[in-house]
Amino acid sequence: MSATTTAPAWNRVRQEPGWLARVFEIKIVLVLACLFPAVALLMTFLTYPLGLGIFLAFTDTTIGRSGQWVGLENFEYLLEDPLWWNAVFYSVFYTGVATFGKFALGLWLALLLNNNLPLKSLLRAIILLPWIVPTVLSAIAFWWIYDPQFSIISYLAVDVLGVRTTNIDFLGSAWPARWSLIAANIWRGIPFVAISLLAGLQTISPSLYEAALLDGSTGWQRFRYITFPMLLPILAIVMTFSIIFTFTDFQLVYAITRGGPVNSTHLLATLAFQRGIPGGQLGEGAAIAVSMIPFLVFATLFSYFGLARRKWQQGEGND
């Protein structure tokens, strides 16, 4: 029986890599290969619907009929449509007031949770509940809270506290319905803002506050000169996402009021759906949706300038 011998490691012939391995050794090819799945998904589920929507906005397409190219006719009609202007006004008002409310309460909660409180982890979990609950379920709960006959708020005001003699009709007229929707949106959006800002607060070095305390600073001075400037980059990013989420809100509004009463609570998103799907005017509905793009571009630019300030704070020079 003959003994087998193996060549020493230094004497082994290195196997040449295959052609595929050699191709992936090229950096640009490897980068493109890694990006391809994500780009393909974005093209399929984002770019194609966006492009199709922009195309439909310039046609008179309806459900069941392909339609023809009409140019800017849909947009000219929108400029003369008081319902569209009402939706523009309420979309901006809804976004501005709700975003301010979410950030005021969210920042307060973040500052509170950043302290050494008992059961801090449990409190953080409880605060996340409104964000975890599905939007439609939240909308149904608020629809019950705002019900003119069975509202828990009306029950407390009339039967328990006795401060009113009649139930509150939250959704029966324009402005009460508008403020009711804003309150529901604030309640749902506070957790996202609070947890995001809390993450930013925990990146600030405690030594900065210790140095400020040694200099005799007050709580307001520490917030103004340390907390707020250091938190500004993440504030800009979170505010951008909050503005986009609020401006494009659909489920909450449609589930509670469906744009009523008398179309007074329509956002651009709900009005686009109403015109395009139940109304059958796909071209007009697409035009309303496209009219939202300038506002969303503005929100993106806001985020860009926030990131630019972050580079300045980190001492990075301008190219």
C-alpha atoms as a PDB file:
ATOM      1  CA  MET A   1       0.000   0.000   0.000  1.00  0.00           C
ATOM      2  CA  SER A   2       1.700   3.168  -1.230  1.00  0.00           C
ATOM      3  CA  ALA A   3       1.759   6.287   0.897  1.00  0.00           C
ATOM      4  CA  THR A   4       0.336   9.453  -0.624  1.00  0.00           C
ATOM      5  CA  THR A   5       2.269  12.663  -0.356  1.00  0.00           C
ATOM      6  CA  THR A   6       0.916  16.178  -0.464  1.00  0.00           C
ATOM      7  CA  ALA A   7       2.833  19.148  -1.716  1.00  0.00           C
ATOM      8  CA  PRO A   8       3.802  21.737   0.879  1.00  0.00           C
ATOM      9  CA  ALA A   9       1.606  24.801   1.122  1.00  0.00           C
ATOM     10  CA  TRP A  10       4.280  27.059  -0.446  1.00  0.00           C
ATOM     11  CA  ASN A  11       4.549  24.727  -3.439  1.00  0.00           C
ATOM     12  CA  ARG A  12       0.834  24.522  -4.288  1.00  0.00           C
ATOM     13  CA  VAL A  13      -0.348  26.089  -7.524  1.00  0.00           C
ATOM     14  CA  ARG A  14      -2.870  28.902  -6.882  1.00  0.00           C
ATOM     15  CA  GLN A  15      -6.105  28.243  -8.760  1.00  0.00           C
ATOM     16  CA  GLU A  16      -7.025  31.069 -11.089  1.00  0.00           C
ATOM     17  CA  PRO A  17     -10.423  32.700 -10.321  1.00  0.00           C
ATOM     18  CA  GLY A  18     -13.213  32.249 -12.848  1.00  0.00           C
ATOM     19  CA  TRP A  19     -14.350  34.961 -15.237  1.00  0.00           C
ATOM     20  CA  LEU A  20     -17.282  35.888 -13.004  1.00  0.00           C
ATOM     21  CA  ALA A  21     -15.034  36.413  -9.984  1.00  0.00           C
ATOM     22  CA  ARG A  22     -12.706  38.538 -12.106  1.00  0.00           C
ATOM     23  CA  VAL A  23     -15.639  40.676 -13.249  1.00  0.00           C
ATOM     24  CA  PHE A  24     -16.762  41.292  -9.667  1.00  0.00           C
ATOM     25  CA  GLU A  25     -13.252  42.346  -8.700  1.00  0.00           C
ATOM     26  CA  ILE A  26     -13.959  45.527 -10.673  1.00  0.00           C
ATOM     27  CA  LYS A  27     -15.268  47.966  -8.078  1.00  0.00           C
ATOM     28  CA  ILE A  28     -17.858  49.707 -10.242  1.00  0.00           C
ATOM     29  CA  VAL A  29     -19.331  46.365 -11.335  1.00  0.00           C
ATOM     30  CA  LEU A  30     -19.619  45.189  -7.715  1.00  0.00           C
ATOM     31  CA  VAL A  31     -21.290  48.458  -6.677  1.00  0.00           C
ATOM     32  CA  LEU A  32     -23.791  48.293  -9.545  1.00  0.00           C
ATOM     33  CA  ALA A  33     -24.585  44.653  -8.796  1.00  0.00           C
ATOM     34  CA  CYS A  34     -25.292  45.455  -5.145  1.00  0.00           C
ATOM     35  CA  LEU A  35     -27.465  48.428  -6.070  1.00  0.00           C
ATOM     36  CA  PHE A  36     -29.444  46.651  -8.783  1.00  0.00           C
ATOM     37  CA  PRO A  37     -32.061  44.892  -6.537  1.00  0.00           C
ATOM     38  CA  ALA A  38     -32.876  48.101  -4.651  1.00  0.00           C
ATOM     39  CA  VAL A  39     -32.992  50.164  -7.857  1.00  0.00           C
ATOM     40  CA  ALA A  40     -35.231  47.572  -9.526  1.00  0.00           C
ATOM     41  CA  LEU A  41     -37.685  47.655  -6.608  1.00  0.00           C
ATOM     42  CA  LEU A  42     -37.736  51.456  -6.581  1.00  0.00           C
ATOM     43  CA  MET A  43     -38.278  51.600 -10.349  1.00  0.00           C
ATOM     44  CA  THR A  44     -41.105  49.071 -10.143  1.00  0.00           C
ATOM     45  CA  PHE A  45     -43.014  50.351  -7.138  1.00  0.00           C
ATOM     46  CA  LEU A  46     -42.126  54.074  -7.041  1.00  0.00           C
ATOM     47  CA  THR A  47     -40.795  55.450 -10.317  1.00  0.00           C
ATOM     48  CA  TYR A  48     -43.283  53.705 -12.604  1.00  0.00           C
ATOM     49  CA  PRO A  49     -46.415  54.752 -10.619  1.00  0.00           C
ATOM     50  CA  LEU A  50     -45.050  58.302 -10.328  1.00  0.00           C
ATOM     51  CA  GLY A  51     -44.344  58.497 -14.049  1.00  0.00           C
ATOM     52  CA  LEU A  52     -47.746  57.037 -14.892  1.00  0.00           C
ATOM     53  CA  GLY A  53     -49.467  59.521 -12.573  1.00  0.00           C
ATOM     54  CA  ILE A  54     -47.667  62.466 -14.172  1.00  0.00           C
ATOM     55  CA  PHE A  55     -48.621  61.177 -17.625  1.00  0.00           C
ATOM     56  CA  LEU A  56     -52.290  60.739 -16.655  1.00  0.00           C
ATOM     57  CA  ALA A  57     -52.349  64.303 -15.300  1.00  0.00           C
ATOM     58  CA  PHE A  58     -51.965  65.574 -18.873  1.00  0.00           C
ATOM     59  CA  THR A  59     -54.763  63.410 -20.283  1.00  0.00           C
ATOM     60  CA  ASP A  60     -58.547  63.203 -19.912  1.00  0.00           C
ATOM     61  CA  THR A  61     -58.407  59.529 -18.944  1.00  0.00           C
ATOM     62  CA  THR A  62     -61.401  58.135 -17.115  1.00  0.00           C
ATOM     63  CA  ILE A  63     -62.132  54.701 -15.686  1.00  0.00           C
ATOM     64  CA  GLY A  64     -62.893  52.475 -18.659  1.00  0.00           C
ATOM     65  CA  ARG A  65     -61.534  54.904 -21.290  1.00  0.00           C
ATOM     66  CA  SER A  66     -57.892  55.538 -22.163  1.00  0.00           C
ATOM     67  CA  GLY A  67     -58.381  59.233 -22.935  1.00  0.00           C
ATOM     68  CA  GLN A  68     -56.385  61.693 -25.011  1.00  0.00           C
ATOM     69  CA  TRP A  69     -53.583  64.175 -24.395  1.00  0.00           C
ATOM     70  CA  VAL A  70     -55.029  67.503 -23.177  1.00  0.00           C
ATOM     71  CA  GLY A  71     -51.870  69.269 -22.033  1.00  0.00           C
ATOM     72  CA  LEU A  72     -52.349  71.666 -19.124  1.00  0.00           C
ATOM     73  CA  GLU A  73     -56.139  71.627 -19.331  1.00  0.00           C
ATOM     74  CA  ASN A  74     -56.556  69.671 -16.077  1.00  0.00           C
ATOM     75  CA  PHE A  75     -54.328  72.095 -14.195  1.00  0.00           C
ATOM     76  CA  GLU A  76     -56.131  75.118 -15.660  1.00  0.00           C
ATOM     77  CA  TYR A  77     -59.402  73.636 -14.451  1.00  0.00           C
ATOM     78  CA  LEU A  78     -57.961  73.115 -10.969  1.00  0.00           C
ATOM     79  CA  LEU A  79     -56.918  76.767 -10.720  1.00  0.00           C
ATOM     80  CA  GLU A  80     -60.565  77.701 -11.265  1.00  0.00           C
ATOM     81  CA  ASP A  81     -61.936  75.048  -8.902  1.00  0.00           C
ATOM     82  CA  PRO A  82     -62.791  76.454  -5.432  1.00  0.00           C
ATOM     83  CA  LEU A  83     -62.813  72.936  -3.981  1.00  0.00           C
ATOM     84  CA  TRP A  84     -59.165  72.464  -4.989  1.00  0.00           C
ATOM     85  CA  TRP A  85     -58.210  75.788  -3.409  1.00  0.00           C
ATOM     86  CA  ASN A  86     -60.070  74.751  -0.247  1.00  0.00           C
ATOM     87  CA  ALA A  87     -58.089  71.488  -0.200  1.00  0.00           C
ATOM     88  CA  VAL A  88     -54.829  73.426  -0.687  1.00  0.00           C
ATOM     89  CA  PHE A  89     -55.685  75.742   2.196  1.00  0.00           C
ATOM     90  CA  TYR A  90     -56.648  72.945   4.567  1.00  0.00           C
ATOM     91  CA  SER A  91     -53.671  70.789   3.553  1.00  0.00           C
ATOM     92  CA  VAL A  92     -51.260  73.604   4.442  1.00  0.00           C
ATOM     93  CA  PHE A  93     -53.193  74.539   7.597  1.00  0.00           C
ATOM     94  CA  TYR A  94     -53.517  70.908   8.696  1.00  0.00           C
ATOM     95  CA  THR A  95     -49.825  70.249   8.089  1.00  0.00           C
ATOM     96  CA  GLY A  96     -48.608  73.428   9.794  1.00  0.00           C
ATOM     97  CA  VAL A  97     -50.730  73.182  12.947  1.00  0.00           C
ATOM     98  CA  ALA A  98     -50.349  69.406  13.350  1.00  0.00           C
ATOM     99  CA  THR A  99     -46.577  69.536  12.820  1.00  0.00           C
ATOM    100  CA  PHE A 100     -46.211  72.344  15.366  1.00  0.00           C
ATOM    101  CA  GLY A 101     -48.311  70.419  17.894  1.00  0.00           C
ATOM    102  CA  LYS A 102     -46.421  67.165  17.362  1.00  0.00           C
ATOM    103  CA  PHE A 103     -43.046  68.837  17.749  1.00  0.00           C
ATOM    104  CA  ALA A 104     -44.006  70.907  20.784  1.00  0.00           C
ATOM    105  CA  LEU A 105     -45.387  67.892  22.666  1.00  0.00           C
ATOM    106  CA  GLY A 106     -42.852  65.444  21.199  1.00  0.00           C
ATOM    107  CA  LEU A 107     -39.873  67.583  22.232  1.00  0.00           C
ATOM    108  CA  TRP A 108     -41.340  68.013  25.718  1.00  0.00           C
ATOM    109  CA  LEU A 109     -41.770  64.238  26.065  1.00  0.00           C
ATOM    110  CA  ALA A 110     -38.262  63.594  24.737  1.00  0.00           C
ATOM    111  CA  LEU A 111     -36.740  66.000  27.262  1.00  0.00           C
ATOM    112  CA  LEU A 112     -38.792  64.371  30.003  1.00  0.00           C
ATOM    113  CA  LEU A 113     -37.785  60.818  29.050  1.00  0.00           C
ATOM    114  CA  ASN A 114     -34.136  61.840  28.792  1.00  0.00           C
ATOM    115  CA  ASN A 115     -34.065  62.239  32.589  1.00  0.00           C
ATOM    116  CA  ASN A 116     -33.551  59.397  35.046  1.00  0.00           C
ATOM    117  CA  LEU A 117     -37.201  58.547  35.685  1.00  0.00           C
ATOM    118  CA  PRO A 118     -38.519  55.392  37.364  1.00  0.00           C
ATOM    119  CA  LEU A 119     -39.947  52.850  34.891  1.00  0.00           C
ATOM    120  CA  LYS A 120     -38.411  54.848  32.027  1.00  0.00           C
ATOM    121  CA  SER A 121     -38.386  51.855  29.659  1.00  0.00           C
ATOM    122  CA  LEU A 122     -42.058  51.143  30.337  1.00  0.00           C
ATOM    123  CA  LEU A 123     -42.966  54.776  29.671  1.00  0.00           C
ATOM    124  CA  ARG A 124     -41.140  54.678  26.334  1.00  0.00           C
ATOM    125  CA  ALA A 125     -43.053  51.552  25.332  1.00  0.00           C
ATOM    126  CA  ILE A 126     -46.382  53.137  26.292  1.00  0.00           C
ATOM    127  CA  ILE A 127     -45.607  56.291  24.312  1.00  0.00           C
ATOM    128  CA  LEU A 128     -44.971  54.177  21.204  1.00  0.00           C
ATOM    129  CA  LEU A 129     -48.457  52.628  21.296  1.00  0.00           C
ATOM    130  CA  PRO A 130     -50.232  55.320  19.191  1.00  0.00           C
ATOM    131  CA  TRP A 131     -47.583  54.858  16.499  1.00  0.00           C
ATOM    132  CA  ILE A 132     -47.819  51.066  16.558  1.00  0.00           C
ATOM    133  CA  VAL A 133     -51.620  50.896  16.311  1.00  0.00           C
ATOM    134  CA  PRO A 134     -52.792  50.709  12.662  1.00  0.00           C
ATOM    135  CA  THR A 135     -53.991  54.052  11.335  1.00  0.00           C
ATOM    136  CA  VAL A 136     -57.440  52.803  10.412  1.00  0.00           C
ATOM    137  CA  LEU A 137     -57.937  51.396  13.917  1.00  0.00           C
ATOM    138  CA  SER A 138     -56.912  54.760  15.394  1.00  0.00           C
ATOM    139  CA  ALA A 139     -59.316  56.515  13.014  1.00  0.00           C
ATOM    140  CA  ILE A 140     -62.196  54.271  14.075  1.00  0.00           C
ATOM    141  CA  ALA A 141     -61.435  54.990  17.735  1.00  0.00           C
ATOM    142  CA  PHE A 142     -61.465  58.741  17.100  1.00  0.00           C
ATOM    143  CA  TRP A 143     -64.613  58.407  14.994  1.00  0.00           C
ATOM    144  CA  TRP A 144     -66.274  56.906  18.067  1.00  0.00           C
ATOM    145  CA  ILE A 145     -64.815  59.593  20.347  1.00  0.00           C
ATOM    146  CA  TYR A 146     -66.215  62.282  18.031  1.00  0.00           C
ATOM    147  CA  ASP A 147     -69.616  60.623  17.577  1.00  0.00           C
ATOM    148  CA  PRO A 148     -72.419  63.158  18.315  1.00  0.00           C
ATOM    149  CA  GLN A 149     -74.451  60.624  20.346  1.00  0.00           C
ATOM    150  CA  PHE A 150     -71.981  58.222  21.955  1.00  0.00           C
ATOM    151  CA  SER A 151     -68.879  60.396  22.385  1.00  0.00           C
ATOM    152  CA  ILE A 152     -66.999  59.767  25.626  1.00  0.00           C
ATOM    153  CA  ILE A 153     -66.061  63.459  25.698  1.00  0.00           C
ATOM    154  CA  SER A 154     -69.707  64.503  25.465  1.00  0.00           C
ATOM    155  CA  TYR A 155     -70.592  61.980  28.168  1.00  0.00           C
ATOM    156  CA  LEU A 156     -67.998  63.458  30.533  1.00  0.00           C
ATOM    157  CA  ALA A 157     -68.998  67.045  29.734  1.00  0.00           C
ATOM    158  CA  VAL A 158     -72.765  66.499  30.016  1.00  0.00           C
ATOM    159  CA  ASP A 159     -73.395  63.617  32.413  1.00  0.00           C
ATOM    160  CA  VAL A 160     -70.332  63.628  34.664  1.00  0.00           C
ATOM    161  CA  LEU A 161     -69.072  67.205  34.936  1.00  0.00           C
ATOM    162  CA  GLY A 162     -72.321  68.941  33.968  1.00  0.00           C
ATOM    163  CA  VAL A 163     -70.557  71.762  32.114  1.00  0.00           C
ATOM    164  CA  ARG A 164     -72.805  71.338  29.056  1.00  0.00           C
ATOM    165  CA  THR A 165     -76.459  70.547  28.490  1.00  0.00           C
ATOM    166  CA  THR A 166     -76.091  69.136  24.944  1.00  0.00           C
ATOM    167  CA  ASN A 167     -73.657  66.772  23.283  1.00  0.00           C
ATOM    168  CA  ILE A 168     -70.738  68.182  21.298  1.00  0.00           C
ATOM    169  CA  ASP A 169     -71.046  67.797  17.532  1.00  0.00           C
ATOM    170  CA  PHE A 170     -67.374  67.477  16.591  1.00  0.00           C
ATOM    171  CA  LEU A 171     -67.845  66.526  12.944  1.00  0.00           C
ATOM    172  CA  GLY A 172     -71.066  68.357  12.092  1.00  0.00           C
ATOM    173  CA  SER A 173     -69.576  71.646  10.873  1.00  0.00           C
ATOM    174  CA  ALA A 174     -66.412  72.722   9.101  1.00  0.00           C
ATOM    175  CA  TRP A 175     -64.045  74.132  11.731  1.00  0.00           C
ATOM    176  CA  PRO A 176     -64.846  71.716  14.576  1.00  0.00           C
ATOM    177  CA  ALA A 177     -64.255  68.842  12.131  1.00  0.00           C
ATOM    178  CA  ARG A 178     -60.963  70.384  10.974  1.00  0.00           C
ATOM    179  CA  TRP A 179     -59.648  70.831  14.507  1.00  0.00           C
ATOM    180  CA  SER A 180     -60.813  67.324  15.440  1.00  0.00           C
ATOM    181  CA  LEU A 181     -58.769  65.814  12.607  1.00  0.00           C
ATOM    182  CA  ILE A 182     -55.727  67.860  13.607  1.00  0.00           C
ATOM    183  CA  ALA A 183     -56.036  66.611  17.198  1.00  0.00           C
ATOM    184  CA  ALA A 184     -56.197  63.000  15.983  1.00  0.00           C
ATOM    185  CA  ASN A 185     -53.132  63.498  13.786  1.00  0.00           C
ATOM    186  CA  ILE A 186     -51.157  65.080  16.634  1.00  0.00           C
ATOM    187  CA  TRP A 187     -52.014  62.179  18.954  1.00  0.00           C
ATOM    188  CA  ARG A 188     -50.839  59.668  16.380  1.00  0.00           C
ATOM    189  CA  GLY A 189     -47.650  61.515  15.388  1.00  0.00           C
ATOM    190  CA  ILE A 190     -46.242  62.413  18.814  1.00  0.00           C
ATOM    191  CA  PRO A 191     -44.492  59.031  19.387  1.00  0.00           C
ATOM    192  CA  PHE A 192     -42.486  59.250  16.150  1.00  0.00           C
ATOM    193  CA  VAL A 193     -41.231  62.730  17.029  1.00  0.00           C
ATOM    194  CA  ALA A 194     -40.603  61.985  20.707  1.00  0.00           C
ATOM    195  CA  ILE A 195     -38.595  58.784  20.180  1.00  0.00           C
ATOM    196  CA  SER A 196     -36.589  60.272  17.295  1.00  0.00           C
ATOM    197  CA  LEU A 197     -35.678  63.380  19.290  1.00  0.00           C
ATOM    198  CA  LEU A 198     -34.902  61.260  22.344  1.00  0.00           C
ATOM    199  CA  ALA A 199     -32.354  59.346  20.265  1.00  0.00           C
ATOM    200  CA  GLY A 200     -30.807  62.678  19.300  1.00  0.00           C
ATOM    201  CA  LEU A 201     -30.737  63.914  22.894  1.00  0.00           C
ATOM    202  CA  GLN A 202     -28.823  60.853  24.030  1.00  0.00           C
ATOM    203  CA  THR A 203     -25.997  61.632  21.587  1.00  0.00           C
ATOM    204  CA  ILE A 204     -25.257  64.973  23.315  1.00  0.00           C
ATOM    205  CA  SER A 205     -22.270  64.693  25.631  1.00  0.00           C
ATOM    206  CA  PRO A 206     -23.134  65.221  29.337  1.00  0.00           C
ATOM    207  CA  SER A 207     -19.836  67.081  29.745  1.00  0.00           C
ATOM    208  CA  LEU A 208     -21.330  70.029  27.866  1.00  0.00           C
ATOM    209  CA  TYR A 209     -24.088  70.372  30.446  1.00  0.00           C
ATOM    210  CA  GLU A 210     -21.605  69.934  33.306  1.00  0.00           C
ATOM    211  CA  ALA A 211     -19.442  72.752  31.945  1.00  0.00           C
ATOM    212  CA  ALA A 212     -22.501  74.958  31.534  1.00  0.00           C
ATOM    213  CA  LEU A 213     -23.576  74.250  35.129  1.00  0.00           C
ATOM    214  CA  LEU A 214     -20.141  75.266  36.376  1.00  0.00           C
ATOM    215  CA  ASP A 215     -20.573  78.558  34.514  1.00  0.00           C
ATOM    216  CA  GLY A 216     -23.874  79.154  36.356  1.00  0.00           C
ATOM    217  CA  SER A 217     -26.221  78.684  33.379  1.00  0.00           C
ATOM    218  CA  THR A 218     -29.976  78.319  33.811  1.00  0.00           C
ATOM    219  CA  GLY A 219     -32.089  75.498  32.386  1.00  0.00           C
ATOM    220  CA  TRP A 220     -33.342  77.720  29.560  1.00  0.00           C
ATOM    221  CA  GLN A 221     -29.788  78.774  28.670  1.00  0.00           C
ATOM    222  CA  ARG A 222     -28.640  75.165  28.522  1.00  0.00           C
ATOM    223  CA  PHE A 223     -31.559  74.321  26.235  1.00  0.00           C
ATOM    224  CA  ARG A 224     -30.993  77.361  24.016  1.00  0.00           C
ATOM    225  CA  TYR A 225     -27.230  77.165  23.639  1.00  0.00           C
ATOM    226  CA  ILE A 226     -26.555  73.414  23.939  1.00  0.00           C
ATOM    227  CA  THR A 227     -29.625  71.218  23.446  1.00  0.00           C
ATOM    228  CA  PHE A 228     -31.308  73.035  20.585  1.00  0.00           C
ATOM    229  CA  PRO A 229     -28.203  73.661  18.407  1.00  0.00           C
ATOM    230  CA  MET A 230     -26.977  70.092  18.877  1.00  0.00           C
ATOM    231  CA  LEU A 231     -30.454  68.728  18.176  1.00  0.00           C
ATOM    232  CA  LEU A 232     -31.083  70.894  15.121  1.00  0.00           C
ATOM    233  CA  PRO A 233     -29.810  68.401  12.482  1.00  0.00           C
ATOM    234  CA  ILE A 234     -32.122  65.616  13.628  1.00  0.00           C
ATOM    235  CA  LEU A 235     -34.890  68.174  14.161  1.00  0.00           C
ATOM    236  CA  ALA A 236     -34.633  69.133  10.504  1.00  0.00           C
ATOM    237  CA  ILE A 237     -34.747  65.523   9.311  1.00  0.00           C
ATOM    238  CA  VAL A 238     -37.589  64.445  11.602  1.00  0.00           C
ATOM    239  CA  MET A 239     -39.568  67.574  10.761  1.00  0.00           C
ATOM    240  CA  THR A 240     -39.143  66.866   7.055  1.00  0.00           C
ATOM    241  CA  PHE A 241     -40.529  63.360   7.405  1.00  0.00           C
ATOM    242  CA  SER A 242     -43.305  64.619   9.661  1.00  0.00           C
ATOM    243  CA  ILE A 243     -44.318  67.281   7.136  1.00  0.00           C
ATOM    244  CA  ILE A 244     -44.346  64.763   4.301  1.00  0.00           C
ATOM    245  CA  PHE A 245     -46.356  62.201   6.316  1.00  0.00           C
ATOM    246  CA  THR A 246     -48.850  64.848   7.442  1.00  0.00           C
ATOM    247  CA  PHE A 247     -49.288  66.571   4.093  1.00  0.00           C
ATOM    248  CA  THR A 248     -49.895  63.256   2.324  1.00  0.00           C
ATOM    249  CA  ASP A 249     -52.163  61.897   5.071  1.00  0.00           C
ATOM    250  CA  PHE A 250     -55.077  59.907   3.679  1.00  0.00           C
ATOM    251  CA  GLN A 251     -56.244  57.101   5.943  1.00  0.00           C
ATOM    252  CA  LEU A 252     -56.984  59.190   9.031  1.00  0.00           C
ATOM    253  CA  VAL A 253     -58.983  61.854   7.190  1.00  0.00           C
ATOM    254  CA  TYR A 254     -60.843  59.503   4.885  1.00  0.00           C
ATOM    255  CA  ALA A 255     -61.779  57.070   7.640  1.00  0.00           C
ATOM    256  CA  ILE A 256     -63.125  59.780   9.981  1.00  0.00           C
ATOM    257  CA  THR A 257     -64.797  62.376   7.716  1.00  0.00           C
ATOM    258  CA  ARG A 258     -64.298  61.286   4.083  1.00  0.00           C
ATOM    259  CA  GLY A 259     -63.663  64.942   3.346  1.00  0.00           C
ATOM    260  CA  GLY A 260     -66.899  66.191   4.915  1.00  0.00           C
ATOM    261  CA  PRO A 261     -68.858  67.981   6.072  1.00  0.00           C
ATOM    262  CA  VAL A 262     -69.512  69.650   2.693  1.00  0.00           C
ATOM    263  CA  ASN A 263     -65.962  68.874   1.470  1.00  0.00           C
ATOM    264  CA  SER A 264     -64.470  71.126   4.159  1.00  0.00           C
ATOM    265  CA  THR A 265     -61.870  68.630   5.450  1.00  0.00           C
ATOM    266  CA  HIS A 266     -60.484  67.416   2.141  1.00  0.00           C
ATOM    267  CA  LEU A 267     -56.727  67.224   1.895  1.00  0.00           C
ATOM    268  CA  LEU A 268     -55.180  67.103  -1.559  1.00  0.00           C
ATOM    269  CA  ALA A 269     -54.633  63.356  -1.134  1.00  0.00           C
ATOM    270  CA  THR A 270     -58.274  62.614  -0.286  1.00  0.00           C
ATOM    271  CA  LEU A 271     -59.568  64.971  -2.979  1.00  0.00           C
ATOM    272  CA  ALA A 272     -57.339  63.276  -5.583  1.00  0.00           C
ATOM    273  CA  PHE A 273     -58.737  59.892  -4.560  1.00  0.00           C
ATOM    274  CA  GLN A 274     -62.333  61.130  -4.619  1.00  0.00           C
ATOM    275  CA  ARG A 275     -61.999  62.622  -8.095  1.00  0.00           C
ATOM    276  CA  GLY A 276     -59.946  59.768  -9.505  1.00  0.00           C
ATOM    277  CA  ILE A 277     -61.562  56.591  -8.143  1.00  0.00           C
ATOM    278  CA  PRO A 278     -65.185  57.153  -6.987  1.00  0.00           C
ATOM    279  CA  GLY A 279     -65.546  60.054  -9.450  1.00  0.00           C
ATOM    280  CA  GLY A 280     -63.917  58.132 -12.285  1.00  0.00           C
ATOM    281  CA  GLN A 281     -61.858  61.124 -13.517  1.00  0.00           C
ATOM    282  CA  LEU A 282     -58.396  59.571 -13.437  1.00  0.00           C
ATOM    283  CA  GLY A 283     -56.759  62.453 -15.313  1.00  0.00           C
ATOM    284  CA  GLU A 284     -58.149  65.089 -12.983  1.00  0.00           C
ATOM    285  CA  GLY A 285     -57.333  63.038  -9.893  1.00  0.00           C
ATOM    286  CA  ALA A 286     -53.766  62.549 -11.130  1.00  0.00           C
ATOM    287  CA  ALA A 287     -53.450  66.303 -11.705  1.00  0.00           C
ATOM    288  CA  ILE A 288     -54.472  66.954  -8.092  1.00  0.00           C
ATOM    289  CA  ALA A 289     -51.881  64.431  -6.906  1.00  0.00           C
ATOM    290  CA  VAL A 290     -49.172  65.999  -9.088  1.00  0.00           C
ATOM    291  CA  SER A 291     -49.990  69.417  -7.623  1.00  0.00           C
ATOM    292  CA  MET A 292     -48.674  68.075  -4.293  1.00  0.00           C
ATOM    293  CA  ILE A 293     -45.148  67.622  -5.671  1.00  0.00           C
ATOM    294  CA  PRO A 294     -43.910  71.251  -5.230  1.00  0.00           C
ATOM    295  CA  PHE A 295     -44.748  71.137  -1.524  1.00  0.00           C
ATOM    296  CA  LEU A 296     -42.956  67.815  -1.092  1.00  0.00           C
ATOM    297  CA  VAL A 297     -39.917  69.170  -2.951  1.00  0.00           C
ATOM    298  CA  PHE A 298     -39.859  72.097  -0.519  1.00  0.00           C
ATOM    299  CA  ALA A 299     -39.849  69.671   2.416  1.00  0.00           C
ATOM    300  CA  THR A 300     -36.923  67.777   0.869  1.00  0.00           C
ATOM    301  CA  LEU A 301     -34.952  71.003   0.430  1.00  0.00           C
ATOM    302  CA  PHE A 302     -35.637  71.782   4.075  1.00  0.00           C
ATOM    303  CA  SER A 303     -33.972  68.503   5.013  1.00  0.00           C
ATOM    304  CA  TYR A 304     -31.003  69.305   2.765  1.00  0.00           C
ATOM    305  CA  PHE A 305     -30.341  72.606   4.506  1.00  0.00           C
ATOM    306  CA  GLY A 306     -30.624  70.833   7.861  1.00  0.00           C
ATOM    307  CA  LEU A 307     -27.903  68.402   6.789  1.00  0.00           C
ATOM    308  CA  ALA A 308     -25.790  71.296   5.525  1.00  0.00           C
ATOM    309  CA  ARG A 309     -25.976  72.873   8.980  1.00  0.00           C
ATOM    310  CA  ARG A 310     -24.920  69.549  10.484  1.00  0.00           C
ATOM    311  CA  LYS A 311     -21.761  69.595   8.341  1.00  0.00           C
ATOM    312  CA  TRP A 312     -21.068  73.121   9.563  1.00  0.00           C
ATOM    313  CA  GLN A 313     -21.447  72.026  13.204  1.00  0.00           C
ATOM    314  CA  GLN A 314     -19.036  69.145  12.656  1.00  0.00           C
ATOM    315  CA  GLY A 315     -16.432  71.542  11.244  1.00  0.00           C
ATOM    316  CA  GLU A 316     -16.509  70.260   7.683  1.00  0.00           C
ATOM    317  CA  GLY A 317     -15.481  72.836   5.132  1.00  0.00           C
ATOM    318  CA  ASN A 318     -17.427  73.703   2.032  1.00  0.00           C
ATOM    319  CA  ASP A 319     -16.168  72.299  -1.228  1.00  0.00           C
END
